[in-house]
Amino acid sequence: MSFRFTTHALQEMARRNITEAEVERVLVNPEQSEMIRVGRAVYQGRIEQGEPPKEYLLRVFVDIDDTPPSVVTVYRTSKIRKYWR
């Protein structure tokens, strides 16, 4: 499935040092996905970053009713337990 990145998503990815490859990895093979409201889903997966490596949760918000679906925003958090379902 293909996805379109909104301008906002690309700006936030650049600001947060998140690559398209990391986002695509979560979109193609999410560890979890959840509908957060009508037409919007969040896909999430764990990633490792830093030296020494630390585990983070990458959360990708997608407007699934768009054609193709639009990545709205993306962020990385260390608060895995807060969002893990």
PDB file of N, CA and C in Angstrom:
ATOM      1  N   MET A   1       0.840  -1.174   0.000  1.00  0.00           N
ATOM      2  CA  MET A   1       0.000   0.000   0.000  1.00  0.00           C
ATOM      3  C   MET A   1       0.889   1.243   0.000  1.00  0.00           C
ATOM      4  N   SER A   2       0.517   2.250  -0.757  1.00  0.00           N
ATOM      5  CA  SER A   2       1.311   3.475  -0.794  1.00  0.00           C
ATOM      6  C   SER A   2       0.665   4.530   0.100  1.00  0.00           C
ATOM      7  N   PHE A   3       1.488   5.419   0.600  1.00  0.00           N
ATOM      8  CA  PHE A   3       1.056   6.489   1.482  1.00  0.00           C
ATOM      9  C   PHE A   3       1.603   7.808   0.961  1.00  0.00           C
ATOM     10  N   ARG A   4       0.891   8.889   1.249  1.00  0.00           N
ATOM     11  CA  ARG A   4       1.333  10.232   0.901  1.00  0.00           C
ATOM     12  C   ARG A   4       1.717  10.931   2.202  1.00  0.00           C
ATOM     13  N   PHE A   5       2.828  11.656   2.172  1.00  0.00           N
ATOM     14  CA  PHE A   5       3.275  12.408   3.337  1.00  0.00           C
ATOM     15  C   PHE A   5       2.798  13.850   3.207  1.00  0.00           C
ATOM     16  N   THR A   6       2.082  14.361   4.208  1.00  0.00           N
ATOM     17  CA  THR A   6       1.673  15.760   4.185  1.00  0.00           C
ATOM     18  C   THR A   6       2.895  16.637   4.442  1.00  0.00           C
ATOM     19  N   THR A   7       2.776  17.902   4.099  1.00  0.00           N
ATOM     20  CA  THR A   7       3.858  18.854   4.358  1.00  0.00           C
ATOM     21  C   THR A   7       4.176  18.882   5.848  1.00  0.00           C
ATOM     22  N   HIS A   8       3.148  18.901   6.664  1.00  0.00           N
ATOM     23  CA  HIS A   8       3.354  18.920   8.116  1.00  0.00           C
ATOM     24  C   HIS A   8       4.140  17.689   8.575  1.00  0.00           C
ATOM     25  N   ALA A   9       3.766  16.519   8.080  1.00  0.00           N
ATOM     26  CA  ALA A   9       4.463  15.289   8.474  1.00  0.00           C
ATOM     27  C   ALA A   9       5.937  15.355   8.089  1.00  0.00           C
ATOM     28  N   LEU A  10       6.230  15.831   6.881  1.00  0.00           N
ATOM     29  CA  LEU A  10       7.628  15.927   6.436  1.00  0.00           C
ATOM     30  C   LEU A  10       8.411  16.922   7.283  1.00  0.00           C
ATOM     31  N   GLN A  11       7.789  18.042   7.640  1.00  0.00           N
ATOM     32  CA  GLN A  11       8.454  19.031   8.491  1.00  0.00           C
ATOM     33  C   GLN A  11       8.750  18.453   9.870  1.00  0.00           C
ATOM     34  N   GLU A  12       7.778  17.762  10.437  1.00  0.00           N
ATOM     35  CA  GLU A  12       7.968  17.174  11.764  1.00  0.00           C
ATOM     36  C   GLU A  12       9.003  16.048  11.738  1.00  0.00           C
ATOM     37  N   MET A  13       9.021  15.270  10.678  1.00  0.00           N
ATOM     38  CA  MET A  13      10.022  14.213  10.550  1.00  0.00           C
ATOM     39  C   MET A  13      11.418  14.816  10.501  1.00  0.00           C
ATOM     40  N   ALA A  14      11.591  15.892   9.743  1.00  0.00           N
ATOM     41  CA  ALA A  14      12.893  16.553   9.651  1.00  0.00           C
ATOM     42  C   ALA A  14      13.287  17.132  11.010  1.00  0.00           C
ATOM     43  N   ARG A  15      12.358  17.788  11.673  1.00  0.00           N
ATOM     44  CA  ARG A  15      12.629  18.413  12.971  1.00  0.00           C
ATOM     45  C   ARG A  15      12.983  17.366  14.027  1.00  0.00           C
ATOM     46  N   ARG A  16      12.369  16.203  13.933  1.00  0.00           N
ATOM     47  CA  ARG A  16      12.556  15.153  14.935  1.00  0.00           C
ATOM     48  C   ARG A  16      13.574  14.093  14.519  1.00  0.00           C
ATOM     49  N   ASN A  17      14.234  14.296  13.381  1.00  0.00           N
ATOM     50  CA  ASN A  17      15.238  13.337  12.889  1.00  0.00           C
ATOM     51  C   ASN A  17      14.666  11.935  12.715  1.00  0.00           C
ATOM     52  N   ILE A  18      13.516  11.854  12.070  1.00  0.00           N
ATOM     53  CA  ILE A  18      12.876  10.571  11.773  1.00  0.00           C
ATOM     54  C   ILE A  18      12.907  10.395  10.260  1.00  0.00           C
ATOM     55  N   THR A  19      13.429   9.267   9.791  1.00  0.00           N
ATOM     56  CA  THR A  19      13.573   9.054   8.353  1.00  0.00           C
ATOM     57  C   THR A  19      12.306   8.454   7.744  1.00  0.00           C
ATOM     58  N   GLU A  20      12.161   8.660   6.433  1.00  0.00           N
ATOM     59  CA  GLU A  20      11.037   8.041   5.718  1.00  0.00           C
ATOM     60  C   GLU A  20      11.120   6.523   5.819  1.00  0.00           C
ATOM     61  N   ALA A  21      12.334   5.981   5.811  1.00  0.00           N
ATOM     62  CA  ALA A  21      12.504   4.527   5.904  1.00  0.00           C
ATOM     63  C   ALA A  21      11.950   3.997   7.225  1.00  0.00           C
ATOM     64  N   GLU A  22      12.192   4.716   8.327  1.00  0.00           N
ATOM     65  CA  GLU A  22      11.661   4.287   9.622  1.00  0.00           C
ATOM     66  C   GLU A  22      10.133   4.313   9.615  1.00  0.00           C
ATOM     67  N   VAL A  23       9.569   5.384   9.049  1.00  0.00           N
ATOM     68  CA  VAL A  23       8.112   5.512   8.985  1.00  0.00           C
ATOM     69  C   VAL A  23       7.525   4.416   8.101  1.00  0.00           C
ATOM     70  N   GLU A  24       8.124   4.193   6.941  1.00  0.00           N
ATOM     71  CA  GLU A  24       7.619   3.174   6.023  1.00  0.00           C
ATOM     72  C   GLU A  24       7.678   1.789   6.644  1.00  0.00           C
ATOM     73  N   ARG A  25       8.717   1.524   7.429  1.00  0.00           N
ATOM     74  CA  ARG A  25       8.840   0.228   8.100  1.00  0.00           C
ATOM     75  C   ARG A  25       7.648   0.004   9.045  1.00  0.00           C
ATOM     76  N   VAL A  26       7.255   1.046   9.770  1.00  0.00           N
ATOM     77  CA  VAL A  26       6.109   0.929  10.678  1.00  0.00           C
ATOM     78  C   VAL A  26       4.803   0.809   9.890  1.00  0.00           C
ATOM     79  N   LEU A  27       4.679   1.565   8.798  1.00  0.00           N
ATOM     80  CA  LEU A  27       3.450   1.518   8.006  1.00  0.00           C
ATOM     81  C   LEU A  27       3.245   0.159   7.345  1.00  0.00           C
ATOM     82  N   VAL A  28       4.322  -0.439   6.853  1.00  0.00           N
ATOM     83  CA  VAL A  28       4.236  -1.725   6.158  1.00  0.00           C
ATOM     84  C   VAL A  28       4.024  -2.871   7.147  1.00  0.00           C
ATOM     85  N   ASN A  29       4.659  -2.768   8.305  1.00  0.00           N
ATOM     86  CA  ASN A  29       4.594  -3.858   9.280  1.00  0.00           C
ATOM     87  C   ASN A  29       4.410  -3.299  10.692  1.00  0.00           C
ATOM     88  N   PRO A  30       3.253  -2.704  10.983  1.00  0.00           N
ATOM     89  CA  PRO A  30       3.058  -2.136  12.322  1.00  0.00           C
ATOM     90  C   PRO A  30       2.940  -3.230  13.376  1.00  0.00           C
ATOM     91  N   GLU A  31       3.503  -2.955  14.543  1.00  0.00           N
ATOM     92  CA  GLU A  31       3.313  -3.887  15.653  1.00  0.00           C
ATOM     93  C   GLU A  31       1.915  -3.727  16.233  1.00  0.00           C
ATOM     94  N   GLN A  32       1.386  -2.505  16.155  1.00  0.00           N
ATOM     95  CA  GLN A  32       0.032  -2.239  16.611  1.00  0.00           C
ATOM     96  C   GLN A  32      -0.586  -1.156  15.741  1.00  0.00           C
ATOM     97  N   SER A  33      -1.900  -1.192  15.621  1.00  0.00           N
ATOM     98  CA  SER A  33      -2.630  -0.109  14.962  1.00  0.00           C
ATOM     99  C   SER A  33      -3.945   0.074  15.697  1.00  0.00           C
ATOM    100  N   GLU A  34      -4.415   1.311  15.703  1.00  0.00           N
ATOM    101  CA  GLU A  34      -5.625   1.622  16.452  1.00  0.00           C
ATOM    102  C   GLU A  34      -6.352   2.779  15.771  1.00  0.00           C
ATOM    103  N   MET A  35      -7.657   2.653  15.671  1.00  0.00           N
ATOM    104  CA  MET A  35      -8.478   3.766  15.189  1.00  0.00           C
ATOM    105  C   MET A  35      -8.620   4.749  16.343  1.00  0.00           C
ATOM    106  N   ILE A  36      -8.208   6.001  16.123  1.00  0.00           N
ATOM    107  CA  ILE A  36      -8.314   6.977  17.206  1.00  0.00           C
ATOM    108  C   ILE A  36      -9.512   7.897  17.020  1.00  0.00           C
ATOM    109  N   ARG A  37     -10.021   7.951  15.814  1.00  0.00           N
ATOM    110  CA  ARG A  37     -11.285   8.624  15.509  1.00  0.00           C
ATOM    111  C   ARG A  37     -11.692   8.188  14.117  1.00  0.00           C
ATOM    112  N   VAL A  38     -12.878   8.561  13.684  1.00  0.00           N
ATOM    113  CA  VAL A  38     -13.347   8.168  12.357  1.00  0.00           C
ATOM    114  C   VAL A  38     -12.377   8.711  11.307  1.00  0.00           C
ATOM    115  N   GLY A  39     -11.841   7.815  10.493  1.00  0.00           N
ATOM    116  CA  GLY A  39     -10.963   8.211   9.402  1.00  0.00           C
ATOM    117  C   GLY A  39      -9.505   8.383   9.751  1.00  0.00           C
ATOM    118  N   ARG A  40      -9.134   8.246  11.027  1.00  0.00           N
ATOM    119  CA  ARG A  40      -7.730   8.408  11.408  1.00  0.00           C
ATOM    120  C   ARG A  40      -7.275   7.227  12.253  1.00  0.00           C
ATOM    121  N   ALA A  41      -6.114   6.691  11.877  1.00  0.00           N
ATOM    122  CA  ALA A  41      -5.527   5.566  12.603  1.00  0.00           C
ATOM    123  C   ALA A  41      -4.112   5.931  13.019  1.00  0.00           C
ATOM    124  N   VAL A  42      -3.656   5.308  14.079  1.00  0.00           N
ATOM    125  CA  VAL A  42      -2.263   5.441  14.482  1.00  0.00           C
ATOM    126  C   VAL A  42      -1.628   4.060  14.355  1.00  0.00           C
ATOM    127  N   TYR A  43      -0.494   4.022  13.654  1.00  0.00           N
ATOM    128  CA  TYR A  43       0.305   2.809  13.506  1.00  0.00           C
ATOM    129  C   TYR A  43       1.536   3.011  14.369  1.00  0.00           C
ATOM    130  N   GLN A  44       1.936   1.962  15.079  1.00  0.00           N
ATOM    131  CA  GLN A  44       3.107   2.133  15.919  1.00  0.00           C
ATOM    132  C   GLN A  44       3.979   0.891  15.931  1.00  0.00           C
ATOM    133  N   GLY A  45       5.265   1.164  16.154  1.00  0.00           N
ATOM    134  CA  GLY A  45       6.244   0.097  16.229  1.00  0.00           C
ATOM    135  C   GLY A  45       7.442   0.554  17.038  1.00  0.00           C
ATOM    136  N   ARG A  46       8.123  -0.398  17.646  1.00  0.00           N
ATOM    137  CA  ARG A  46       9.304  -0.080  18.454  1.00  0.00           C
ATOM    138  C   ARG A  46      10.536   0.005  17.566  1.00  0.00           C
ATOM    139  N   ILE A  47      11.390   0.980  17.870  1.00  0.00           N
ATOM    140  CA  ILE A  47      12.651   1.155  17.152  1.00  0.00           C
ATOM    141  C   ILE A  47      13.757   1.376  18.178  1.00  0.00           C
ATOM    142  N   GLU A  48      15.000   1.145  17.762  1.00  0.00           N
ATOM    143  CA  GLU A  48      16.149   1.426  18.619  1.00  0.00           C
ATOM    144  C   GLU A  48      16.947   2.547  18.003  1.00  0.00           C
ATOM    145  N   GLN A  49      17.385   3.484  18.855  1.00  0.00           N
ATOM    146  CA  GLN A  49      18.208   4.597  18.393  1.00  0.00           C
ATOM    147  C   GLN A  49      19.190   4.980  19.477  1.00  0.00           C
ATOM    148  N   GLY A  50      20.256   5.655  19.044  1.00  0.00           N
ATOM    149  CA  GLY A  50      21.230   6.183  19.984  1.00  0.00           C
ATOM    150  C   GLY A  50      22.367   5.231  20.233  1.00  0.00           C
ATOM    151  N   GLU A  51      23.316   5.733  21.016  1.00  0.00           N
ATOM    152  CA  GLU A  51      24.486   4.944  21.370  1.00  0.00           C
ATOM    153  C   GLU A  51      24.745   5.145  22.847  1.00  0.00           C
ATOM    154  N   PRO A  52      24.533   4.199  23.713  1.00  0.00           N
ATOM    155  CA  PRO A  52      24.060   2.851  23.408  1.00  0.00           C
ATOM    156  C   PRO A  52      22.593   2.872  22.974  1.00  0.00           C
ATOM    157  N   PRO A  53      22.182   1.859  22.221  1.00  0.00           N
ATOM    158  CA  PRO A  53      20.814   1.836  21.698  1.00  0.00           C
ATOM    159  C   PRO A  53      19.763   1.875  22.813  1.00  0.00           C
ATOM    160  N   LYS A  54      18.740   2.681  22.587  1.00  0.00           N
ATOM    161  CA  LYS A  54      17.610   2.788  23.508  1.00  0.00           C
ATOM    162  C   LYS A  54      16.337   2.532  22.714  1.00  0.00           C
ATOM    163  N   GLU A  55      15.372   1.874  23.341  1.00  0.00           N
ATOM    164  CA  GLU A  55      14.126   1.543  22.652  1.00  0.00           C
ATOM    165  C   GLU A  55      13.138   2.705  22.740  1.00  0.00           C
ATOM    166  N   TYR A  56      12.540   3.021  21.595  1.00  0.00           N
ATOM    167  CA  TYR A  56      11.524   4.067  21.486  1.00  0.00           C
ATOM    168  C   TYR A  56      10.313   3.496  20.759  1.00  0.00           C
ATOM    169  N   LEU A  57       9.207   4.202  20.871  1.00  0.00           N
ATOM    170  CA  LEU A  57       7.999   3.870  20.133  1.00  0.00           C
ATOM    171  C   LEU A  57       7.813   4.928  19.059  1.00  0.00           C
ATOM    172  N   LEU A  58       7.690   4.494  17.811  1.00  0.00           N
ATOM    173  CA  LEU A  58       7.436   5.407  16.701  1.00  0.00           C
ATOM    174  C   LEU A  58       5.943   5.350  16.409  1.00  0.00           C
ATOM    175  N   ARG A  59       5.278   6.510  16.498  1.00  0.00           N
ATOM    176  CA  ARG A  59       3.828   6.598  16.280  1.00  0.00           C
ATOM    177  C   ARG A  59       3.575   7.379  15.003  1.00  0.00           C
ATOM    178  N   VAL A  60       2.811   6.785  14.089  1.00  0.00           N
ATOM    179  CA  VAL A  60       2.532   7.364  12.777  1.00  0.00           C
ATOM    180  C   VAL A  60       1.018   7.533  12.648  1.00  0.00           C
ATOM    181  N   PHE A  61       0.575   8.777  12.486  1.00  0.00           N
ATOM    182  CA  PHE A  61      -0.851   9.090  12.386  1.00  0.00           C
ATOM    183  C   PHE A  61      -1.228   9.224  10.918  1.00  0.00           C
ATOM    184  N   VAL A  62      -2.270   8.495  10.510  1.00  0.00           N
ATOM    185  CA  VAL A  62      -2.633   8.393   9.098  1.00  0.00           C
ATOM    186  C   VAL A  62      -4.124   8.667   8.912  1.00  0.00           C
ATOM    187  N   ASP A  63      -4.434   9.550   7.953  1.00  0.00           N
ATOM    188  CA  ASP A  63      -5.820   9.731   7.519  1.00  0.00           C
ATOM    189  C   ASP A  63      -6.105   8.636   6.498  1.00  0.00           C
ATOM    190  N   ILE A  64      -6.809   7.595   6.928  1.00  0.00           N
ATOM    191  CA  ILE A  64      -6.980   6.404   6.099  1.00  0.00           C
ATOM    192  C   ILE A  64      -8.059   6.565   5.039  1.00  0.00           C
ATOM    193  N   ASP A  65      -8.900   7.596   5.151  1.00  0.00           N
ATOM    194  CA  ASP A  65      -9.953   7.806   4.154  1.00  0.00           C
ATOM    195  C   ASP A  65      -9.444   8.518   2.908  1.00  0.00           C
ATOM    196  N   ASP A  66      -8.230   9.093   2.975  1.00  0.00           N
ATOM    197  CA  ASP A  66      -7.641   9.744   1.801  1.00  0.00           C
ATOM    198  C   ASP A  66      -7.180   8.687   0.809  1.00  0.00           C
ATOM    199  N   THR A  67      -7.061   9.084  -0.457  1.00  0.00           N
ATOM    200  CA  THR A  67      -6.552   8.175  -1.489  1.00  0.00           C
ATOM    201  C   THR A  67      -5.371   8.829  -2.182  1.00  0.00           C
ATOM    202  N   PRO A  68      -4.155   8.327  -1.996  1.00  0.00           N
ATOM    203  CA  PRO A  68      -3.755   7.288  -1.035  1.00  0.00           C
ATOM    204  C   PRO A  68      -3.815   7.835   0.391  1.00  0.00           C
ATOM    205  N   PRO A  69      -3.778   6.954   1.386  1.00  0.00           N
ATOM    206  CA  PRO A  69      -3.807   7.411   2.775  1.00  0.00           C
ATOM    207  C   PRO A  69      -2.681   8.415   3.054  1.00  0.00           C
ATOM    208  N   SER A  70      -2.979   9.430   3.877  1.00  0.00           N
ATOM    209  CA  SER A  70      -2.025  10.509   4.157  1.00  0.00           C
ATOM    210  C   SER A  70      -1.421  10.362   5.543  1.00  0.00           C
ATOM    211  N   VAL A  71      -0.092  10.403   5.600  1.00  0.00           N
ATOM    212  CA  VAL A  71       0.604  10.462   6.880  1.00  0.00           C
ATOM    213  C   VAL A  71       0.482  11.901   7.367  1.00  0.00           C
ATOM    214  N   VAL A  72      -0.162  12.092   8.511  1.00  0.00           N
ATOM    215  CA  VAL A  72      -0.452  13.424   9.028  1.00  0.00           C
ATOM    216  C   VAL A  72       0.677  13.933   9.909  1.00  0.00           C
ATOM    217  N   THR A  73       1.143  13.103  10.825  1.00  0.00           N
ATOM    218  CA  THR A  73       2.264  13.469  11.677  1.00  0.00           C
ATOM    219  C   THR A  73       2.911  12.206  12.219  1.00  0.00           C
ATOM    220  N   VAL A  74       4.121  12.383  12.733  1.00  0.00           N
ATOM    221  CA  VAL A  74       4.929  11.265  13.216  1.00  0.00           C
ATOM    222  C   VAL A  74       5.709  11.751  14.427  1.00  0.00           C
ATOM    223  N   TYR A  75       5.809  10.910  15.446  1.00  0.00           N
ATOM    224  CA  TYR A  75       6.730  11.243  16.527  1.00  0.00           C
ATOM    225  C   TYR A  75       7.257   9.979  17.188  1.00  0.00           C
ATOM    226  N   ARG A  76       8.381  10.177  17.893  1.00  0.00           N
ATOM    227  CA  ARG A  76       9.054   9.098  18.610  1.00  0.00           C
ATOM    228  C   ARG A  76       8.922   9.424  20.100  1.00  0.00           C
ATOM    229  N   THR A  77       8.641   8.417  20.901  1.00  0.00           N
ATOM    230  CA  THR A  77       8.515   8.629  22.342  1.00  0.00           C
ATOM    231  C   THR A  77       9.189   7.497  23.108  1.00  0.00           C
ATOM    232  N   SER A  78       9.694   7.839  24.277  1.00  0.00           N
ATOM    233  CA  SER A  78      10.263   6.812  25.154  1.00  0.00           C
ATOM    234  C   SER A  78       9.191   6.228  26.075  1.00  0.00           C
ATOM    235  N   LYS A  79       7.996   6.811  26.062  1.00  0.00           N
ATOM    236  CA  LYS A  79       6.899   6.374  26.937  1.00  0.00           C
ATOM    237  C   LYS A  79       6.102   5.235  26.293  1.00  0.00           C
ATOM    238  N   ILE A  80       6.780   4.117  26.094  1.00  0.00           N
ATOM    239  CA  ILE A  80       6.180   2.979  25.404  1.00  0.00           C
ATOM    240  C   ILE A  80       4.968   2.452  26.167  1.00  0.00           C
ATOM    241  N   ARG A  81       5.084   2.308  27.475  1.00  0.00           N
ATOM    242  CA  ARG A  81       3.982   1.739  28.269  1.00  0.00           C
ATOM    243  C   ARG A  81       2.711   2.582  28.189  1.00  0.00           C
ATOM    244  N   LYS A  82       2.869   3.888  28.030  1.00  0.00           N
ATOM    245  CA  LYS A  82       1.708   4.776  27.977  1.00  0.00           C
ATOM    246  C   LYS A  82       0.826   4.478  26.766  1.00  0.00           C
ATOM    247  N   TYR A  83       1.455   4.137  25.632  1.00  0.00           N
ATOM    248  CA  TYR A  83       0.720   3.979  24.382  1.00  0.00           C
ATOM    249  C   TYR A  83       0.548   2.533  23.936  1.00  0.00           C
ATOM    250  N   TRP A  84       1.277   1.610  24.554  1.00  0.00           N
ATOM    251  CA  TRP A  84       1.227   0.207  24.124  1.00  0.00           C
ATOM    252  C   TRP A  84      -0.066  -0.429  24.595  1.00  0.00           C
ATOM    253  N   ARG A  85      -0.817  -1.009  23.685  1.00  0.00           N
ATOM    254  CA  ARG A  85      -2.115  -1.620  24.016  1.00  0.00           C
ATOM    255  C   ARG A  85      -2.012  -3.125  23.970  1.00  0.00           C
TER     256      ARG A  85
END
